[in-house]
Amino acid sequence: MKPLKAKISITIDTDIIEEVKYLAEKDDRSLSQYINLVLKEYLKNKKQSDK
């Protein structure tokens, strides 16, 4: 079974959005998929560095 997903509304600086859109396109992913991937990686790294 796929994990459940939740829709959220956030405000992000325009320059960051443009850069993330570019990176997502370059990685052949949707903006949502790319943001999810980046956040998962950040959280994984954060957990490891907090040990």
C-alpha atoms as a PDB file:
ATOM      1  CA  MET A   1       0.000   0.000   0.000  1.00  0.00           C
ATOM      2  CA  LYS A   2       1.326   3.450  -0.910  1.00  0.00           C
ATOM      3  CA  PRO A   3       1.967   5.863   1.933  1.00  0.00           C
ATOM      4  CA  LEU A   4      -0.748   8.424   2.526  1.00  0.00           C
ATOM      5  CA  LYS A   5      -0.091  11.943   1.333  1.00  0.00           C
ATOM      6  CA  ALA A   6      -1.433  15.222   2.628  1.00  0.00           C
ATOM      7  CA  LYS A   7      -1.951  18.464   0.769  1.00  0.00           C
ATOM      8  CA  ILE A   8      -0.556  21.575   2.390  1.00  0.00           C
ATOM      9  CA  SER A   9      -0.306  25.208   1.499  1.00  0.00           C
ATOM     10  CA  ILE A  10       2.981  27.003   2.158  1.00  0.00           C
ATOM     11  CA  THR A  11       4.658  30.230   1.140  1.00  0.00           C
ATOM     12  CA  ILE A  12       8.152  30.008  -0.352  1.00  0.00           C
ATOM     13  CA  ASP A  13      10.394  32.761  -1.685  1.00  0.00           C
ATOM     14  CA  THR A  14      10.116  33.169  -5.448  1.00  0.00           C
ATOM     15  CA  ASP A  15      13.842  32.711  -6.070  1.00  0.00           C
ATOM     16  CA  ILE A  16      13.799  29.402  -4.202  1.00  0.00           C
ATOM     17  CA  ILE A  17      10.756  28.173  -6.136  1.00  0.00           C
ATOM     18  CA  GLU A  18      12.425  28.989  -9.458  1.00  0.00           C
ATOM     19  CA  GLU A  19      15.583  27.135  -8.498  1.00  0.00           C
ATOM     20  CA  VAL A  20      13.689  24.099  -7.177  1.00  0.00           C
ATOM     21  CA  LYS A  21      11.505  24.010 -10.303  1.00  0.00           C
ATOM     22  CA  TYR A  22      14.650  24.017 -12.437  1.00  0.00           C
ATOM     23  CA  LEU A  23      16.226  21.199 -10.408  1.00  0.00           C
ATOM     24  CA  ALA A  24      13.001  19.162 -10.487  1.00  0.00           C
ATOM     25  CA  GLU A  25      12.768  19.506 -14.251  1.00  0.00           C
ATOM     26  CA  LYS A  26      16.422  18.570 -14.637  1.00  0.00           C
ATOM     27  CA  ASP A  27      15.761  15.449 -12.515  1.00  0.00           C
ATOM     28  CA  ASP A  28      12.611  14.658 -14.552  1.00  0.00           C
ATOM     29  CA  ARG A  29      10.340  14.974 -11.503  1.00  0.00           C
ATOM     30  CA  SER A  30       7.341  17.085 -10.633  1.00  0.00           C
ATOM     31  CA  LEU A  31       7.879  19.996  -8.277  1.00  0.00           C
ATOM     32  CA  SER A  32       5.950  18.148  -5.569  1.00  0.00           C
ATOM     33  CA  GLN A  33       7.988  14.960  -6.004  1.00  0.00           C
ATOM     34  CA  TYR A  34      11.237  16.892  -5.902  1.00  0.00           C
ATOM     35  CA  ILE A  35      10.331  18.861  -2.763  1.00  0.00           C
ATOM     36  CA  ASN A  36       9.288  15.601  -1.091  1.00  0.00           C
ATOM     37  CA  LEU A  37      12.606  13.992  -2.071  1.00  0.00           C
ATOM     38  CA  VAL A  38      14.642  16.952  -0.766  1.00  0.00           C
ATOM     39  CA  LEU A  39      12.747  17.048   2.522  1.00  0.00           C
ATOM     40  CA  LYS A  40      13.128  13.290   3.056  1.00  0.00           C
ATOM     41  CA  GLU A  41      16.879  13.563   2.441  1.00  0.00           C
ATOM     42  CA  TYR A  42      17.155  16.546   4.785  1.00  0.00           C
ATOM     43  CA  LEU A  43      15.297  14.734   7.569  1.00  0.00           C
ATOM     44  CA  LYS A  44      17.413  11.610   7.100  1.00  0.00           C
ATOM     45  CA  ASN A  45      20.618  13.669   7.346  1.00  0.00           C
ATOM     46  CA  LYS A  46      19.284  15.627  10.303  1.00  0.00           C
ATOM     47  CA  LYS A  47      18.510  12.427  12.240  1.00  0.00           C
ATOM     48  CA  GLN A  48      22.014  11.100  11.549  1.00  0.00           C
ATOM     49  CA  SER A  49      23.720  14.320  12.634  1.00  0.00           C
ATOM     50  CA  ASP A  50      21.646  14.532  15.836  1.00  0.00           C
ATOM     51  CA  LYS A  51      22.938  11.167  17.074  1.00  0.00           C
END
